[in-house]
Structure formats: C-alpha cells, structure tokens
Amino acid sequence: MTRIALYLLLFAVGAAQAGELYRWVDERGTVSYSDQPPPPSAKKAEKLKGKGNVVEVDKESFSLKQAKNLSPVILYATACGQFCDQATDFLKQRGIPYTPKDPSKELEIAVELKKLTGAVDVPVIVVGGSHFKGFDAATWGRLLDAANYPKSAGQKDK
C-alpha cells in the first residue's frame, strides 16, 4: 500500500470517529483536513458533514446467508390459531428468515400446498427440498439444523 493510500485510510477512520471534520487551505495553498477547527489564518475553511457510520454492518451472519441461499424456508400458515402462532414464533425466536404463504388468501398458494402435501392443512414448513406438515418444534429444529441454519437468533459464525 502506498503511503498516500495509508494516510487516506487513516484519515477516513479518524474522520468517522471524530464526528466533525474540517477542511481548509493554508497560506501556502496546502489543503488540510482535521477534526480540530482550522486556524484563523485559514482560507476557504469549511465544516464537512458526515453521513453517519462509515462502516455498514451486515446483520446476517455468513452461515445464515449461506443456509438461506441453499435452503430457503417457506411457512404455509393461516390465522389457524395456536399451531400457526407457535410455528411463526418458533421461526422468529430462532431468527430464521422465511417466506410466509397463506393458502386461505390465494388460490394459487392453496393449489401449490395441496400439490406439495396432498392437503391444504397448515402449518407446513419447507426447508430447501424437505417439508413437514404440522408443527413439532423438535422436527422443525432438525430440518433447520440439517440445512445449517443457526440454532438461535443472533448466533455468530465461528
């Protein structure tokens, strides 16, 4: 890495942490940047405004992204009561991103579910190429584990 690139990198990191950043031109025509206000002799002094955190943090772990891409989760559910509520809560507590599909609202989804399971009973979970009709936390957990989904919300990669 060149010296200039290193200085620019250090400047960017320092500027992100400083909150306020100033730019000015001194009497020799040199452009300066600092988190301290410019001297009174500075020309073309300006206060630069940052746009929040410079580093964006990805909220999904690599393993979650990989599992989601290889074995997407679909939840067929309606407002069926206790079992559909438990199924939804289970996925949310474990931090599993899923596509909700309600066969009571769209005929195409009902036909899709009937083709998949032979009935239009809910809840049904689909994890990649596997599915399970009804809610059973242990079975759903095994399906998600087999697809390498994290065991809990916010689980970090090792």
C-alpha atoms as a PDB file:
ATOM      1  CA  MET A   1       0.000   0.000   0.000  1.00  0.00           C
ATOM      2  CA  THR A   2       1.359   3.381  -0.874  1.00  0.00           C
ATOM      3  CA  ARG A   3       1.958   5.964   1.779  1.00  0.00           C
ATOM      4  CA  ILE A   4      -0.774   8.221   0.394  1.00  0.00           C
ATOM      5  CA  ALA A   5      -3.318   5.406   0.454  1.00  0.00           C
ATOM      6  CA  LEU A   6      -2.354   4.613   4.032  1.00  0.00           C
ATOM      7  CA  TYR A   7      -2.811   8.266   5.039  1.00  0.00           C
ATOM      8  CA  LEU A   8      -6.193   8.378   3.309  1.00  0.00           C
ATOM      9  CA  LEU A   9      -7.267   5.207   5.112  1.00  0.00           C
ATOM     10  CA  LEU A  10      -6.145   6.577   8.474  1.00  0.00           C
ATOM     11  CA  PHE A  11      -7.861   9.856   7.682  1.00  0.00           C
ATOM     12  CA  ALA A  12     -11.133   8.106   6.837  1.00  0.00           C
ATOM     13  CA  VAL A  13     -11.071   6.060  10.040  1.00  0.00           C
ATOM     14  CA  GLY A  14     -10.227   9.088  12.139  1.00  0.00           C
ATOM     15  CA  ALA A  15     -12.869  11.191  10.438  1.00  0.00           C
ATOM     16  CA  ALA A  16     -15.540   8.584  11.025  1.00  0.00           C
ATOM     17  CA  GLN A  17     -14.792   8.581  14.730  1.00  0.00           C
ATOM     18  CA  ALA A  18     -14.347  12.348  15.066  1.00  0.00           C
ATOM     19  CA  GLY A  19     -17.910  13.333  14.309  1.00  0.00           C
ATOM     20  CA  GLU A  20     -16.911  16.719  12.886  1.00  0.00           C
ATOM     21  CA  LEU A  21     -14.386  17.278  10.147  1.00  0.00           C
ATOM     22  CA  TYR A  22     -12.887  20.500   8.859  1.00  0.00           C
ATOM     23  CA  ARG A  23     -11.232  21.309   5.518  1.00  0.00           C
ATOM     24  CA  TRP A  24      -9.208  24.431   4.776  1.00  0.00           C
ATOM     25  CA  VAL A  25      -6.436  25.867   2.652  1.00  0.00           C
ATOM     26  CA  ASP A  26      -3.469  27.460   4.414  1.00  0.00           C
ATOM     27  CA  GLU A  27      -1.419  30.496   3.275  1.00  0.00           C
ATOM     28  CA  ARG A  28       0.883  28.226   1.162  1.00  0.00           C
ATOM     29  CA  GLY A  29      -2.079  26.686  -0.698  1.00  0.00           C
ATOM     30  CA  THR A  30      -1.926  23.350   1.135  1.00  0.00           C
ATOM     31  CA  VAL A  31      -5.281  21.665   1.700  1.00  0.00           C
ATOM     32  CA  SER A  32      -5.675  20.331   5.226  1.00  0.00           C
ATOM     33  CA  TYR A  33      -8.251  18.144   6.941  1.00  0.00           C
ATOM     34  CA  SER A  34      -8.683  17.804  10.679  1.00  0.00           C
ATOM     35  CA  ASP A  35     -11.157  17.092  13.429  1.00  0.00           C
ATOM     36  CA  GLN A  36      -9.964  20.360  15.027  1.00  0.00           C
ATOM     37  CA  PRO A  37     -11.250  23.744  13.794  1.00  0.00           C
ATOM     38  CA  PRO A  38      -8.930  25.486  11.319  1.00  0.00           C
ATOM     39  CA  PRO A  39      -6.616  28.305  12.419  1.00  0.00           C
ATOM     40  CA  PRO A  40      -7.887  31.885  11.985  1.00  0.00           C
ATOM     41  CA  SER A  41      -5.487  32.425   9.031  1.00  0.00           C
ATOM     42  CA  ALA A  42      -7.078  29.565   7.021  1.00  0.00           C
ATOM     43  CA  LYS A  43      -8.671  30.297   3.658  1.00  0.00           C
ATOM     44  CA  LYS A  44     -11.701  28.518   2.275  1.00  0.00           C
ATOM     45  CA  ALA A  45     -12.427  26.877   5.623  1.00  0.00           C
ATOM     46  CA  GLU A  46     -15.442  24.625   5.729  1.00  0.00           C
ATOM     47  CA  LYS A  47     -17.022  22.192   8.122  1.00  0.00           C
ATOM     48  CA  LEU A  48     -17.740  18.847   6.460  1.00  0.00           C
ATOM     49  CA  LYS A  49     -20.763  16.862   7.454  1.00  0.00           C
ATOM     50  CA  GLY A  50     -20.550  13.099   7.800  1.00  0.00           C
ATOM     51  CA  LYS A  51     -23.319  10.783   6.769  1.00  0.00           C
ATOM     52  CA  GLY A  52     -23.392   8.507   9.777  1.00  0.00           C
ATOM     53  CA  ASN A  53     -21.327   5.411  10.297  1.00  0.00           C
ATOM     54  CA  VAL A  54     -18.851   4.793   7.506  1.00  0.00           C
ATOM     55  CA  VAL A  55     -18.845   1.039   8.053  1.00  0.00           C
ATOM     56  CA  GLU A  56     -22.055  -0.788   7.325  1.00  0.00           C
ATOM     57  CA  VAL A  57     -22.581  -3.880   9.416  1.00  0.00           C
ATOM     58  CA  ASP A  58     -24.310  -6.850   7.874  1.00  0.00           C
ATOM     59  CA  LYS A  59     -26.959  -8.096  10.262  1.00  0.00           C
ATOM     60  CA  GLU A  60     -26.946 -11.642   8.924  1.00  0.00           C
ATOM     61  CA  SER A  61     -24.077 -13.992   9.650  1.00  0.00           C
ATOM     62  CA  PHE A  62     -22.330 -15.709   6.775  1.00  0.00           C
ATOM     63  CA  SER A  63     -23.739 -19.097   7.832  1.00  0.00           C
ATOM     64  CA  LEU A  64     -27.291 -17.713   7.888  1.00  0.00           C
ATOM     65  CA  LYS A  65     -26.881 -16.204   4.417  1.00  0.00           C
ATOM     66  CA  GLN A  66     -25.451 -19.446   3.105  1.00  0.00           C
ATOM     67  CA  ALA A  67     -28.266 -21.545   4.612  1.00  0.00           C
ATOM     68  CA  LYS A  68     -30.875 -19.101   3.310  1.00  0.00           C
ATOM     69  CA  ASN A  69     -29.448 -19.273  -0.215  1.00  0.00           C
ATOM     70  CA  LEU A  70     -29.077 -23.067  -0.278  1.00  0.00           C
ATOM     71  CA  SER A  71     -32.268 -23.987   1.613  1.00  0.00           C
ATOM     72  CA  PRO A  72     -34.819 -21.176   1.703  1.00  0.00           C
ATOM     73  CA  VAL A  73     -37.596 -21.521   4.266  1.00  0.00           C
ATOM     74  CA  ILE A  74     -41.271 -21.199   3.387  1.00  0.00           C
ATOM     75  CA  LEU A  75     -44.016 -21.222   6.004  1.00  0.00           C
ATOM     76  CA  TYR A  76     -47.519 -22.100   4.870  1.00  0.00           C
ATOM     77  CA  ALA A  77     -49.816 -20.767   7.568  1.00  0.00           C
ATOM     78  CA  THR A  78     -53.118 -19.013   8.066  1.00  0.00           C
ATOM     79  CA  ALA A  79     -54.753 -17.422  11.093  1.00  0.00           C
ATOM     80  CA  CYS A  80     -55.310 -21.024  12.272  1.00  0.00           C
ATOM     81  CA  GLY A  81     -54.697 -20.267  15.921  1.00  0.00           C
ATOM     82  CA  GLN A  82     -52.332 -21.915  18.370  1.00  0.00           C
ATOM     83  CA  PHE A  83     -50.344 -24.116  15.971  1.00  0.00           C
ATOM     84  CA  CYS A  84     -49.747 -21.429  13.339  1.00  0.00           C
ATOM     85  CA  ASP A  85     -48.835 -18.947  16.090  1.00  0.00           C
ATOM     86  CA  GLN A  86     -46.365 -21.422  17.614  1.00  0.00           C
ATOM     87  CA  ALA A  87     -44.856 -22.108  14.192  1.00  0.00           C
ATOM     88  CA  THR A  88     -44.361 -18.403  13.473  1.00  0.00           C
ATOM     89  CA  ASP A  89     -42.963 -17.749  16.959  1.00  0.00           C
ATOM     90  CA  PHE A  90     -40.547 -20.686  16.622  1.00  0.00           C
ATOM     91  CA  LEU A  91     -39.057 -19.278  13.412  1.00  0.00           C
ATOM     92  CA  LYS A  92     -38.852 -15.752  14.825  1.00  0.00           C
ATOM     93  CA  GLN A  93     -37.203 -16.877  18.072  1.00  0.00           C
ATOM     94  CA  ARG A  94     -34.629 -18.822  16.149  1.00  0.00           C
ATOM     95  CA  GLY A  95     -34.054 -15.850  13.821  1.00  0.00           C
ATOM     96  CA  ILE A  96     -34.949 -17.746  10.665  1.00  0.00           C
ATOM     97  CA  PRO A  97     -35.855 -15.607   7.649  1.00  0.00           C
ATOM     98  CA  TYR A  98     -38.786 -17.170   5.823  1.00  0.00           C
ATOM     99  CA  THR A  99     -41.345 -16.524   3.135  1.00  0.00           C
ATOM    100  CA  PRO A 100     -44.881 -16.610   4.533  1.00  0.00           C
ATOM    101  CA  LYS A 101     -47.587 -18.080   2.316  1.00  0.00           C
ATOM    102  CA  ASP A 102     -51.257 -18.032   3.273  1.00  0.00           C
ATOM    103  CA  PRO A 103     -53.324 -20.572   1.300  1.00  0.00           C
ATOM    104  CA  SER A 104     -56.565 -19.045   2.607  1.00  0.00           C
ATOM    105  CA  LYS A 105     -55.864 -15.808   0.755  1.00  0.00           C
ATOM    106  CA  GLU A 106     -54.668 -17.008  -2.644  1.00  0.00           C
ATOM    107  CA  LEU A 107     -55.934 -19.942  -4.677  1.00  0.00           C
ATOM    108  CA  GLU A 108     -52.519 -20.445  -6.323  1.00  0.00           C
ATOM    109  CA  ILE A 109     -50.901 -20.935  -2.913  1.00  0.00           C
ATOM    110  CA  ALA A 110     -53.612 -23.399  -1.868  1.00  0.00           C
ATOM    111  CA  VAL A 111     -53.040 -25.401  -5.075  1.00  0.00           C
ATOM    112  CA  GLU A 112     -49.269 -25.281  -4.501  1.00  0.00           C
ATOM    113  CA  LEU A 113     -49.688 -26.563  -0.919  1.00  0.00           C
ATOM    114  CA  LYS A 114     -52.084 -29.336  -1.973  1.00  0.00           C
ATOM    115  CA  LYS A 115     -49.585 -30.462  -4.618  1.00  0.00           C
ATOM    116  CA  LEU A 116     -46.786 -30.448  -2.041  1.00  0.00           C
ATOM    117  CA  THR A 117     -48.544 -32.262   0.831  1.00  0.00           C
ATOM    118  CA  GLY A 118     -51.763 -33.709  -0.590  1.00  0.00           C
ATOM    119  CA  ALA A 119     -53.886 -31.422   1.609  1.00  0.00           C
ATOM    120  CA  VAL A 120     -54.392 -27.778   2.456  1.00  0.00           C
ATOM    121  CA  ASP A 121     -53.665 -28.255   6.161  1.00  0.00           C
ATOM    122  CA  VAL A 122     -51.420 -25.739   7.906  1.00  0.00           C
ATOM    123  CA  PRO A 123     -48.867 -25.059   9.238  1.00  0.00           C
ATOM    124  CA  VAL A 124     -46.357 -26.558   6.827  1.00  0.00           C
ATOM    125  CA  ILE A 125     -42.671 -25.724   6.753  1.00  0.00           C
ATOM    126  CA  VAL A 126     -40.498 -26.132   3.682  1.00  0.00           C
ATOM    127  CA  VAL A 127     -36.719 -26.062   4.176  1.00  0.00           C
ATOM    128  CA  GLY A 128     -34.962 -26.383   0.851  1.00  0.00           C
ATOM    129  CA  GLY A 129     -36.240 -29.658  -0.642  1.00  0.00           C
ATOM    130  CA  SER A 130     -37.771 -31.007   2.597  1.00  0.00           C
ATOM    131  CA  HIS A 131     -41.112 -30.253   4.173  1.00  0.00           C
ATOM    132  CA  PHE A 132     -43.102 -31.159   7.282  1.00  0.00           C
ATOM    133  CA  LYS A 133     -46.850 -30.874   7.818  1.00  0.00           C
ATOM    134  CA  GLY A 134     -47.933 -29.708  11.260  1.00  0.00           C
ATOM    135  CA  PHE A 135     -45.888 -28.030  13.956  1.00  0.00           C
ATOM    136  CA  ASP A 136     -43.412 -30.022  16.013  1.00  0.00           C
ATOM    137  CA  ALA A 137     -40.526 -27.971  17.414  1.00  0.00           C
ATOM    138  CA  ALA A 138     -38.105 -30.922  17.532  1.00  0.00           C
ATOM    139  CA  THR A 139     -38.768 -31.945  13.916  1.00  0.00           C
ATOM    140  CA  TRP A 140     -38.623 -28.380  12.661  1.00  0.00           C
ATOM    141  CA  GLY A 141     -35.376 -27.910  14.574  1.00  0.00           C
ATOM    142  CA  ARG A 142     -33.864 -30.989  12.915  1.00  0.00           C
ATOM    143  CA  LEU A 143     -34.882 -29.758   9.449  1.00  0.00           C
ATOM    144  CA  LEU A 144     -33.289 -26.363  10.100  1.00  0.00           C
ATOM    145  CA  ASP A 145     -30.176 -27.941  11.671  1.00  0.00           C
ATOM    146  CA  ALA A 146     -29.742 -30.205   8.637  1.00  0.00           C
ATOM    147  CA  ALA A 147     -29.845 -27.105   6.423  1.00  0.00           C
ATOM    148  CA  ASN A 148     -27.149 -25.474   8.628  1.00  0.00           C
ATOM    149  CA  TYR A 149     -29.345 -22.695   9.980  1.00  0.00           C
ATOM    150  CA  PRO A 150     -28.078 -21.127  13.238  1.00  0.00           C
ATOM    151  CA  LYS A 151     -29.610 -22.637  16.380  1.00  0.00           C
ATOM    152  CA  SER A 152     -30.589 -19.241  17.808  1.00  0.00           C
ATOM    153  CA  ALA A 153     -31.205 -15.687  16.682  1.00  0.00           C
ATOM    154  CA  GLY A 154     -28.028 -13.670  16.613  1.00  0.00           C
ATOM    155  CA  GLN A 155     -25.732 -16.714  16.676  1.00  0.00           C
ATOM    156  CA  LYS A 156     -22.330 -15.645  15.361  1.00  0.00           C
ATOM    157  CA  ASP A 157     -20.125 -17.534  12.930  1.00  0.00           C
ATOM    158  CA  LYS A 158     -17.225 -19.399  14.490  1.00  0.00           C
END
